[in-house]
Amino acid sequence: MIISEKSDCISVNRAAELLDASRSGYYKWRDKSHDFEGEKNSDVFIKEEMQKIVLEFPGYGYRRVKVELRNRNHII
């Protein structure tokens, strides 16, 4: 987290060295850390969709909710 905040001050070589990773490993880590922020929003969206399904179909359990999410083109 500290490295991502200071990424404009630290060279890629130094950041990779601090993480004990290769340069390509550092870039992979850096790109995944940005994707994680998007995943949080995605999780909230999926949770809201699940709540809509449960309200629409009160008798559905987790298996049917999962199938309904897939029917609505969500990747679960």
C-alpha atoms as a PDB file:
ATOM      1  CA  MET A   1       0.000   0.000   0.000  1.00  0.00           C
ATOM      2  CA  ILE A   2       2.818   2.376   0.842  1.00  0.00           C
ATOM      3  CA  ILE A   3       4.526   1.574  -2.435  1.00  0.00           C
ATOM      4  CA  SER A   4       1.357   2.260  -4.436  1.00  0.00           C
ATOM      5  CA  GLU A   5       0.980   5.645  -2.712  1.00  0.00           C
ATOM      6  CA  LYS A   6       4.616   6.553  -3.396  1.00  0.00           C
ATOM      7  CA  SER A   7       4.807   5.051  -6.893  1.00  0.00           C
ATOM      8  CA  ASP A   8       5.619   8.424  -8.461  1.00  0.00           C
ATOM      9  CA  CYS A   9       8.673   8.802  -6.156  1.00  0.00           C
ATOM     10  CA  ILE A  10      10.049   5.254  -6.342  1.00  0.00           C
ATOM     11  CA  SER A  11      11.539   3.725  -9.464  1.00  0.00           C
ATOM     12  CA  VAL A  12      10.109   0.492 -10.807  1.00  0.00           C
ATOM     13  CA  ASN A  13      13.373  -1.308 -10.091  1.00  0.00           C
ATOM     14  CA  ARG A  14      13.375  -0.143  -6.462  1.00  0.00           C
ATOM     15  CA  ALA A  15       9.695  -1.002  -5.952  1.00  0.00           C
ATOM     16  CA  ALA A  16      10.260  -4.489  -7.361  1.00  0.00           C
ATOM     17  CA  GLU A  17      13.290  -4.905  -5.108  1.00  0.00           C
ATOM     18  CA  LEU A  18      11.303  -3.832  -2.025  1.00  0.00           C
ATOM     19  CA  LEU A  19       8.544  -6.293  -2.891  1.00  0.00           C
ATOM     20  CA  ASP A  20      11.101  -9.006  -3.610  1.00  0.00           C
ATOM     21  CA  ALA A  21       9.576  -9.449  -7.066  1.00  0.00           C
ATOM     22  CA  SER A  22      10.601  -9.142 -10.683  1.00  0.00           C
ATOM     23  CA  ARG A  23       9.724  -6.044 -12.675  1.00  0.00           C
ATOM     24  CA  SER A  24       6.979  -7.950 -14.483  1.00  0.00           C
ATOM     25  CA  GLY A  25       5.712  -9.206 -11.114  1.00  0.00           C
ATOM     26  CA  TYR A  26       5.618  -5.627  -9.853  1.00  0.00           C
ATOM     27  CA  TYR A  27       3.590  -4.500 -12.871  1.00  0.00           C
ATOM     28  CA  LYS A  28       1.183  -7.424 -12.388  1.00  0.00           C
ATOM     29  CA  TRP A  29       0.766  -6.517  -8.701  1.00  0.00           C
ATOM     30  CA  ARG A  30       0.269  -2.841  -9.545  1.00  0.00           C
ATOM     31  CA  ASP A  31      -2.378  -3.585 -12.168  1.00  0.00           C
ATOM     32  CA  LYS A  32      -4.237  -5.969  -9.858  1.00  0.00           C
ATOM     33  CA  SER A  33      -4.303  -3.414  -7.051  1.00  0.00           C
ATOM     34  CA  HIS A  34      -6.194  -1.031  -9.354  1.00  0.00           C
ATOM     35  CA  ASP A  35      -8.577  -3.813 -10.389  1.00  0.00           C
ATOM     36  CA  PHE A  36      -9.380  -4.500  -6.734  1.00  0.00           C
ATOM     37  CA  GLU A  37     -11.038  -1.082  -6.396  1.00  0.00           C
ATOM     38  CA  GLY A  38     -13.320  -1.978  -9.292  1.00  0.00           C
ATOM     39  CA  GLU A  39     -14.092  -5.327  -7.691  1.00  0.00           C
ATOM     40  CA  LYS A  40     -15.413  -3.594  -4.578  1.00  0.00           C
ATOM     41  CA  ASN A  41     -17.934  -1.721  -6.701  1.00  0.00           C
ATOM     42  CA  SER A  42     -18.753  -4.921  -8.542  1.00  0.00           C
ATOM     43  CA  ASP A  43     -19.354  -6.749  -5.256  1.00  0.00           C
ATOM     44  CA  VAL A  44     -21.742  -4.037  -4.108  1.00  0.00           C
ATOM     45  CA  PHE A  45     -23.588  -4.245  -7.433  1.00  0.00           C
ATOM     46  CA  ILE A  46     -23.901  -8.047  -7.195  1.00  0.00           C
ATOM     47  CA  LYS A  47     -25.133  -7.767  -3.602  1.00  0.00           C
ATOM     48  CA  GLU A  48     -27.820  -5.303  -4.702  1.00  0.00           C
ATOM     49  CA  GLU A  49     -28.848  -7.660  -7.512  1.00  0.00           C
ATOM     50  CA  MET A  50     -29.057 -10.540  -5.035  1.00  0.00           C
ATOM     51  CA  GLN A  51     -31.285  -8.458  -2.763  1.00  0.00           C
ATOM     52  CA  LYS A  52     -33.587  -7.628  -5.698  1.00  0.00           C
ATOM     53  CA  ILE A  53     -33.865 -11.324  -6.580  1.00  0.00           C
ATOM     54  CA  VAL A  54     -34.639 -12.324  -2.979  1.00  0.00           C
ATOM     55  CA  LEU A  55     -37.323  -9.637  -2.764  1.00  0.00           C
ATOM     56  CA  GLU A  56     -38.776 -10.730  -6.111  1.00  0.00           C
ATOM     57  CA  PHE A  57     -38.608 -14.457  -5.263  1.00  0.00           C
ATOM     58  CA  PRO A  58     -38.776 -14.798  -1.455  1.00  0.00           C
ATOM     59  CA  GLY A  59     -38.596 -18.609  -1.520  1.00  0.00           C
ATOM     60  CA  TYR A  60     -35.281 -18.737  -3.380  1.00  0.00           C
ATOM     61  CA  GLY A  61     -32.259 -20.136  -1.577  1.00  0.00           C
ATOM     62  CA  TYR A  62     -28.649 -19.421  -2.451  1.00  0.00           C
ATOM     63  CA  ARG A  63     -28.574 -21.994  -5.270  1.00  0.00           C
ATOM     64  CA  ARG A  64     -31.568 -20.512  -7.062  1.00  0.00           C
ATOM     65  CA  VAL A  65     -30.286 -16.979  -6.489  1.00  0.00           C
ATOM     66  CA  LYS A  66     -26.997 -17.991  -8.128  1.00  0.00           C
ATOM     67  CA  VAL A  67     -28.844 -19.457 -11.119  1.00  0.00           C
ATOM     68  CA  GLU A  68     -30.983 -16.320 -11.430  1.00  0.00           C
ATOM     69  CA  LEU A  69     -27.869 -14.120 -11.369  1.00  0.00           C
ATOM     70  CA  ARG A  70     -26.434 -16.214 -14.194  1.00  0.00           C
ATOM     71  CA  ASN A  71     -29.751 -15.928 -16.071  1.00  0.00           C
ATOM     72  CA  ARG A  72     -29.384 -12.156 -15.758  1.00  0.00           C
ATOM     73  CA  ASN A  73     -25.914 -12.401 -17.364  1.00  0.00           C
ATOM     74  CA  HIS A  74     -23.832 -11.883 -14.232  1.00  0.00           C
ATOM     75  CA  ILE A  75     -20.623 -13.870 -13.912  1.00  0.00           C
ATOM     76  CA  ILE A  76     -20.603 -15.560 -10.524  1.00  0.00           C
END
